Amino acid sequence: MIKNNLSDISNPVSAELNHFNKLFSKSIKSDIFLVDLIAKYVLKQKGKKIRPTLVFLSSKVVGEVTDKSYRGAIMVELLHTATLIHDDVVDAAEKRRGLPSINAVWKNKIAVLMGDYLLSKGLTAAVNGEDYDYLKIVTNTVQRMSEGELLQINKTRKLDIDEPTYFRIISDKTASLLSTCCEFGAIGASTDPEIHKAFRDYGEYLGIAFQIRDDILDYIGKSSIIGKPRGGDIKEKKITLPLIYSLSKNKDKASEIIKKLKSRGKNNSVEDIIKFVEESGGIEYADKIAREYAEKAKNCLSGFNDSDSKEALLSLVDFVISRKN
């Protein structure tokens, strides 16, 4: 039976997530009052815990959730939380998960340092647990995430992104951390490198499908559903797969559309670009590619025994490519 919400998908590891929440809370405590105050505030900004869920589900498909699985889940959630704090500083965001962002409350300098603190706590957890395999993977992930973000910034300035560059960006920025989560889960329950690779690839393909769907929603979503105005990427001059395809198929209009993109939403340019993409088949093309990656993700799990956890990972793929927000 296909699960259509994250709560159902995470149900096979609900007990593990409850235990994780307690461990995670302990992991970010500090004897410095300000650090501990902000750490408690971080815990109030409750996320969906998708990354720990991926770790535990992957472990359960392979075998059992172990102490190492928990350490891996803590590491990825610390890394994810640190990057969100840094992102809010870069974007001058005032809200995070319905609450004022850390930079809005304590200003940028403290927010950056708090992000650094959480990242260091994640690395310390790996060292203390002697999880050097985790450490090697996560340092590569941080590098990929940073390079992906910088590559996107550079290409957004130049407005010359093509499909190979787009896939490099979303693989590094988004898919790399999901891949790490699934690989951590597999490593926590197995010593077989082939199993590790299967879950690493599953997470990578899942992340790519997720990001393509996210980029599609920028063209087809409604503000009330997705929580951000339609055409937000266009206003930020981000060229994503629907537009990349459309520009390649309508080269006679490409220069005109790029000019509209540079105008950042002036003179109804956002709606003009959305209409151009719709008429050029960019949304259908991107959806087709997202579904191809979704099938690749599912195929990575074909060699494993059926279980509630495997069904949850397969349902997560369907959820990702059909979501409305």
Protein backbone atom coordinates (compact mmCIF):
# COMPACT_ATOMS: atom_id res chain seq x y z
CA MET A 1 0.00 0.00 0.00
CA ILE A 2 1.42 3.38 -1.05
CA LYS A 3 1.94 5.81 1.81
CA ASN A 4 1.09 9.40 0.95
CA ASN A 5 2.52 11.31 3.89
CA LEU A 6 5.80 11.47 5.77
CA SER A 7 4.24 10.34 9.02
CA ASP A 8 3.17 7.02 7.49
CA ILE A 9 6.53 6.62 5.77
CA SER A 10 8.44 7.07 9.03
CA ASN A 11 6.13 4.78 11.00
CA PRO A 12 8.42 1.68 10.79
CA VAL A 13 11.11 3.62 12.65
CA SER A 14 8.94 5.69 15.01
CA ALA A 15 10.51 4.12 18.10
CA GLU A 16 14.00 4.78 16.78
CA LEU A 17 13.10 8.42 16.01
CA ASN A 18 11.80 8.94 19.55
CA HIS A 19 15.07 7.61 20.96
CA PHE A 20 17.01 9.70 18.44
CA ASN A 21 15.30 12.89 19.62
CA LYS A 22 16.62 12.30 23.14
CA LEU A 23 20.13 11.53 21.91
CA PHE A 24 20.17 14.53 19.58
CA SER A 25 19.10 16.86 22.39
CA LYS A 26 22.00 15.62 24.52
CA SER A 27 24.45 15.89 21.64
CA ILE A 28 24.11 19.67 21.29
CA LYS A 29 24.22 20.61 24.98
CA SER A 30 26.95 23.02 26.11
CA ASP A 31 28.19 24.35 29.44
CA ILE A 32 28.37 27.81 27.87
CA PHE A 33 25.07 29.54 28.62
CA LEU A 34 24.62 31.33 25.26
CA VAL A 35 25.46 28.22 23.22
CA ASP A 36 23.09 26.08 25.29
CA LEU A 37 20.35 28.71 25.02
CA ILE A 38 20.58 28.73 21.23
CA ALA A 39 20.81 24.92 21.15
CA LYS A 40 17.50 24.71 23.01
CA TYR A 41 16.04 27.19 20.53
CA VAL A 42 17.23 24.97 17.67
CA LEU A 43 15.29 22.08 19.20
CA LYS A 44 12.13 24.21 19.18
CA GLN A 45 12.46 24.61 15.40
CA LYS A 46 11.17 21.11 14.86
CA GLY A 47 11.88 19.70 11.42
CA LYS A 48 10.51 16.59 9.74
CA LYS A 49 13.59 14.49 10.60
CA ILE A 50 13.72 13.11 7.06
CA ARG A 51 17.46 12.50 7.23
CA PRO A 52 17.49 10.43 10.45
CA THR A 53 14.46 8.59 9.06
CA LEU A 54 16.50 7.65 5.98
CA VAL A 55 19.35 6.39 8.17
CA PHE A 56 17.07 4.17 10.27
CA LEU A 57 14.98 2.85 7.38
CA SER A 58 18.15 1.95 5.47
CA SER A 59 19.56 0.15 8.51
CA LYS A 60 16.34 -1.79 8.97
CA VAL A 61 16.17 -2.89 5.34
CA VAL A 62 19.70 -4.29 5.69
CA GLY A 63 19.46 -5.61 9.25
CA GLU A 64 19.04 -3.79 12.54
CA VAL A 65 19.41 -0.24 13.80
CA THR A 66 22.63 -0.17 15.82
CA ASP A 67 24.42 2.31 18.06
CA LYS A 68 26.46 3.23 15.00
CA SER A 69 23.23 3.94 13.09
CA TYR A 70 22.23 6.39 15.82
CA ARG A 71 25.61 8.12 15.66
CA GLY A 72 25.23 8.41 11.90
CA ALA A 73 21.75 9.90 12.27
CA ILE A 74 23.03 12.45 14.78
CA MET A 75 25.89 13.39 12.44
CA VAL A 76 23.68 14.03 9.42
CA GLU A 77 21.09 15.97 11.42
CA LEU A 78 23.82 18.15 12.94
CA LEU A 79 25.28 18.79 9.49
CA HIS A 80 21.86 19.56 8.03
CA THR A 81 20.96 21.91 10.88
CA ALA A 82 24.29 23.72 10.58
CA THR A 83 23.80 24.28 6.85
CA LEU A 84 20.28 25.63 7.43
CA ILE A 85 21.60 28.15 9.94
CA HIS A 86 24.32 29.25 7.52
CA ASP A 87 21.80 29.40 4.65
CA ASP A 88 19.55 31.70 6.68
CA VAL A 89 22.49 34.06 7.18
CA VAL A 90 23.36 34.04 3.47
CA ASP A 91 19.71 34.55 2.47
CA ALA A 92 19.00 37.07 5.26
CA ALA A 93 16.02 34.87 6.15
CA GLU A 94 13.88 36.03 9.05
CA LYS A 95 11.94 32.79 9.61
CA ARG A 96 12.80 29.12 9.96
CA ARG A 97 10.07 26.50 10.48
CA GLY A 98 7.59 29.10 11.67
CA LEU A 99 9.91 30.72 14.22
CA PRO A 100 12.29 33.66 13.92
CA SER A 101 15.59 32.46 12.48
CA ILE A 102 18.70 32.36 14.67
CA ASN A 103 20.27 35.21 12.71
CA ALA A 104 17.10 37.28 13.21
CA VAL A 105 17.25 36.77 16.99
CA TRP A 106 21.00 36.75 17.70
CA LYS A 107 22.41 38.40 14.52
CA ASN A 108 24.70 36.99 11.84
CA LYS A 109 27.96 36.56 13.72
CA ILE A 110 26.47 34.40 16.44
CA ALA A 111 24.41 32.45 13.89
CA VAL A 112 27.50 31.61 11.81
CA LEU A 113 29.41 30.54 14.91
CA MET A 114 26.47 28.41 16.08
CA GLY A 115 26.41 26.67 12.72
CA ASP A 116 30.13 26.01 13.07
CA TYR A 117 29.53 24.65 16.58
CA LEU A 118 26.92 22.15 15.38
CA LEU A 119 29.13 21.03 12.51
CA SER A 120 32.03 20.49 14.90
CA LYS A 121 29.78 18.50 17.24
CA GLY A 122 28.93 16.18 14.36
CA LEU A 123 32.58 15.62 13.53
CA THR A 124 33.38 15.10 17.21
CA ALA A 125 30.66 12.44 17.45
CA ALA A 126 32.33 10.52 14.61
CA VAL A 127 35.76 10.75 16.22
CA ASN A 128 34.50 9.73 19.66
CA GLY A 129 32.71 6.74 18.16
CA GLU A 130 35.77 5.91 16.03
CA ASP A 131 33.48 6.03 12.99
CA TYR A 132 36.26 6.96 10.61
CA ASP A 133 34.32 5.57 7.67
CA TYR A 134 31.53 8.02 8.49
CA LEU A 135 34.04 10.82 8.87
CA LYS A 136 35.52 10.19 5.43
CA ILE A 137 32.09 10.19 3.82
CA VAL A 138 30.73 13.26 5.58
CA THR A 139 33.77 15.44 4.89
CA ASN A 140 33.35 14.64 1.19
CA THR A 141 29.66 15.49 1.50
CA VAL A 142 30.41 18.90 3.03
CA GLN A 143 32.81 19.59 0.18
CA ARG A 144 30.21 18.60 -2.42
CA MET A 145 27.50 20.72 -0.81
CA SER A 146 29.78 23.76 -0.70
CA GLU A 147 30.99 23.32 -4.28
CA GLY A 148 27.42 22.84 -5.53
CA GLU A 149 26.27 26.04 -3.86
CA LEU A 150 29.22 28.04 -5.18
CA LEU A 151 28.79 26.62 -8.69
CA GLN A 152 25.13 27.62 -8.68
CA ILE A 153 25.99 31.16 -7.52
CA ASN A 154 28.58 31.48 -10.28
CA LYS A 155 26.26 30.15 -12.99
CA THR A 156 23.35 32.29 -11.78
CA ARG A 157 25.50 35.37 -12.26
CA LYS A 158 26.49 34.33 -15.77
CA LEU A 159 23.11 32.79 -16.76
CA ASP A 160 24.85 30.14 -18.86
CA ILE A 161 23.80 26.90 -17.16
CA ASP A 162 23.30 23.73 -19.20
CA GLU A 163 21.90 20.30 -18.28
CA PRO A 164 25.20 18.67 -17.21
CA THR A 165 25.95 21.65 -14.95
CA TYR A 166 22.42 21.61 -13.54
CA PHE A 167 22.73 17.94 -12.59
CA ARG A 168 26.15 18.56 -11.05
CA ILE A 169 24.64 21.34 -8.93
CA ILE A 170 21.61 19.42 -7.66
CA SER A 171 23.64 16.24 -7.11
CA ASP A 172 26.12 18.11 -4.95
CA LYS A 173 23.75 20.56 -3.22
CA THR A 174 20.79 18.30 -2.49
CA ALA A 175 21.39 14.66 -3.33
CA SER A 176 24.77 14.29 -1.63
CA LEU A 177 23.39 14.56 1.91
CA LEU A 178 20.46 12.19 1.25
CA SER A 179 22.94 9.75 -0.26
CA THR A 180 25.09 10.04 2.85
CA CYS A 181 22.08 9.32 5.10
CA CYS A 182 21.24 6.10 3.29
CA GLU A 183 24.86 4.99 3.11
CA PHE A 184 25.30 5.66 6.83
CA GLY A 185 22.27 3.49 7.54
CA ALA A 186 23.63 0.65 5.45
CA ILE A 187 27.07 0.92 7.05
CA GLY A 188 25.47 0.86 10.49
CA ALA A 189 23.91 -2.53 9.77
CA SER A 190 26.32 -4.20 7.31
CA THR A 191 29.99 -4.44 6.34
CA ASP A 192 29.24 -5.32 2.68
CA PRO A 193 30.52 -2.58 0.31
CA GLU A 194 28.01 -3.57 -2.38
CA ILE A 195 25.14 -2.99 0.03
CA HIS A 196 26.66 0.36 0.98
CA LYS A 197 26.79 1.34 -2.69
CA ALA A 198 23.17 0.31 -3.32
CA PHE A 199 21.95 2.64 -0.57
CA ARG A 200 24.35 5.41 -1.52
CA ASP A 201 22.93 5.29 -5.06
CA TYR A 202 19.34 5.08 -3.81
CA GLY A 203 19.83 8.27 -1.80
CA GLU A 204 21.54 10.04 -4.70
CA TYR A 205 18.75 9.23 -7.16
CA LEU A 206 16.08 10.10 -4.58
CA GLY A 207 17.73 13.47 -3.99
CA ILE A 208 17.91 14.26 -7.70
CA ALA A 209 14.24 13.35 -8.19
CA PHE A 210 13.32 15.46 -5.15
CA GLN A 211 15.13 18.55 -6.45
CA ILE A 212 13.73 18.28 -9.97
CA ARG A 213 10.22 18.05 -8.50
CA ASP A 214 11.00 21.08 -6.33
CA ASP A 215 12.06 22.99 -9.42
CA ILE A 216 8.89 21.95 -11.24
CA LEU A 217 6.77 23.22 -8.34
CA ASP A 218 8.26 26.67 -8.82
CA TYR A 219 6.43 26.73 -12.17
CA ILE A 220 3.19 24.92 -11.36
CA GLY A 221 2.67 25.44 -7.62
CA LYS A 222 0.43 27.92 -5.91
CA SER A 223 1.73 30.15 -3.18
CA SER A 224 -0.86 28.92 -0.66
CA ILE A 225 0.24 25.30 -1.17
CA ILE A 226 4.02 25.44 -1.47
CA GLY A 227 4.50 28.29 0.99
CA LYS A 228 6.40 30.49 -1.45
CA PRO A 229 5.31 32.52 -4.46
CA ARG A 230 5.27 30.84 -7.84
CA GLY A 231 8.27 31.89 -9.87
CA GLY A 232 10.53 32.41 -6.86
CA ASP A 233 13.48 30.78 -8.63
CA ILE A 234 12.90 33.00 -11.66
CA LYS A 235 13.04 36.12 -9.48
CA GLU A 236 16.36 34.85 -8.11
CA LYS A 237 17.57 34.28 -11.70
CA LYS A 238 17.94 30.53 -11.11
CA ILE A 239 17.82 28.52 -14.31
CA THR A 240 16.48 25.05 -13.55
CA LEU A 241 15.64 22.02 -15.69
CA PRO A 242 12.22 23.13 -17.04
CA LEU A 243 13.75 26.38 -18.33
CA ILE A 244 17.02 24.80 -19.50
CA TYR A 245 15.07 22.37 -21.70
CA SER A 246 12.76 25.11 -23.00
CA LEU A 247 15.65 27.38 -23.94
CA SER A 248 17.38 24.54 -25.79
CA LYS A 249 14.23 23.83 -27.81
CA ASN A 250 13.46 27.47 -28.64
CA LYS A 251 16.80 29.05 -29.38
CA ASP A 252 15.16 31.84 -31.39
CA LYS A 253 13.43 33.05 -28.22
CA ALA A 254 16.29 32.27 -25.84
CA SER A 255 17.86 35.75 -25.83
CA GLU A 256 14.48 37.38 -25.20
CA ILE A 257 13.75 35.05 -22.28
CA ILE A 258 17.21 35.61 -20.77
CA LYS A 259 16.56 39.36 -20.88
CA LYS A 260 13.29 38.82 -19.03
CA LEU A 261 15.11 36.66 -16.49
CA LYS A 262 17.58 39.47 -15.87
CA SER A 263 14.71 41.85 -15.12
CA ARG A 264 13.91 39.87 -11.91
CA GLY A 265 10.14 39.88 -12.28
CA LYS A 266 9.62 43.34 -13.75
CA ASN A 267 6.90 43.97 -16.35
CA ASN A 268 5.21 40.59 -15.82
CA SER A 269 8.39 38.81 -16.91
CA VAL A 270 7.86 35.96 -14.41
CA GLU A 271 4.50 35.03 -15.91
CA ASP A 272 5.97 35.38 -19.41
CA ILE A 273 8.77 32.95 -18.56
CA ILE A 274 6.37 30.49 -16.93
CA LYS A 275 4.15 30.60 -20.03
CA PHE A 276 7.20 30.08 -22.26
CA VAL A 277 8.22 27.00 -20.26
CA GLU A 278 4.67 25.60 -20.29
CA GLU A 279 4.34 26.04 -24.05
CA SER A 280 7.80 24.58 -24.72
CA GLY A 281 7.13 21.33 -22.83
CA GLY A 282 9.71 22.10 -20.16
CA ILE A 283 7.51 20.95 -17.28
CA GLU A 284 6.62 17.64 -18.96
CA TYR A 285 10.28 17.02 -19.79
CA ALA A 286 11.45 17.71 -16.25
CA ASP A 287 8.70 15.47 -14.85
CA LYS A 288 9.79 12.66 -17.16
CA ILE A 289 13.40 12.96 -15.98
CA ALA A 290 12.33 13.06 -12.33
CA ARG A 291 10.37 9.85 -12.81
CA GLU A 292 13.35 8.20 -14.49
CA TYR A 293 15.49 8.95 -11.44
CA ALA A 294 12.69 7.74 -9.20
CA GLU A 295 12.74 4.38 -10.97
CA LYS A 296 16.51 4.23 -10.64
CA ALA A 297 16.14 4.78 -6.90
CA LYS A 298 13.58 1.99 -6.59
CA ASN A 299 15.74 -0.40 -8.61
CA CYS A 300 18.57 0.04 -6.10
CA LEU A 301 16.41 -1.76 -3.52
CA SER A 302 15.25 -4.62 -5.75
CA GLY A 303 17.77 -7.09 -4.30
CA PHE A 304 16.59 -6.70 -0.70
CA ASN A 305 13.91 -8.67 1.11
CA ASP A 306 10.45 -7.13 1.41
CA SER A 307 9.76 -5.40 4.71
CA ASP A 308 7.87 -2.46 6.13
CA SER A 309 11.06 -0.41 5.97
CA LYS A 310 11.70 -1.27 2.32
CA GLU A 311 8.08 -0.43 1.48
CA ALA A 312 8.55 2.91 3.27
CA LEU A 313 11.63 3.76 1.19
CA LEU A 314 9.80 2.84 -2.02
CA SER A 315 6.79 4.92 -0.94
CA LEU A 316 9.09 7.84 -0.16
CA VAL A 317 10.17 7.86 -3.81
CA ASP A 318 6.54 8.06 -4.96
CA PHE A 319 5.83 10.76 -2.38
CA VAL A 320 8.79 12.84 -3.56
CA ILE A 321 7.79 12.92 -7.23
CA SER A 322 4.07 13.51 -6.63
CA ARG A 323 4.24 16.05 -3.79
CA LYS A 324 2.46 19.37 -4.10
CA ASN A 325 4.65 21.27 -1.63
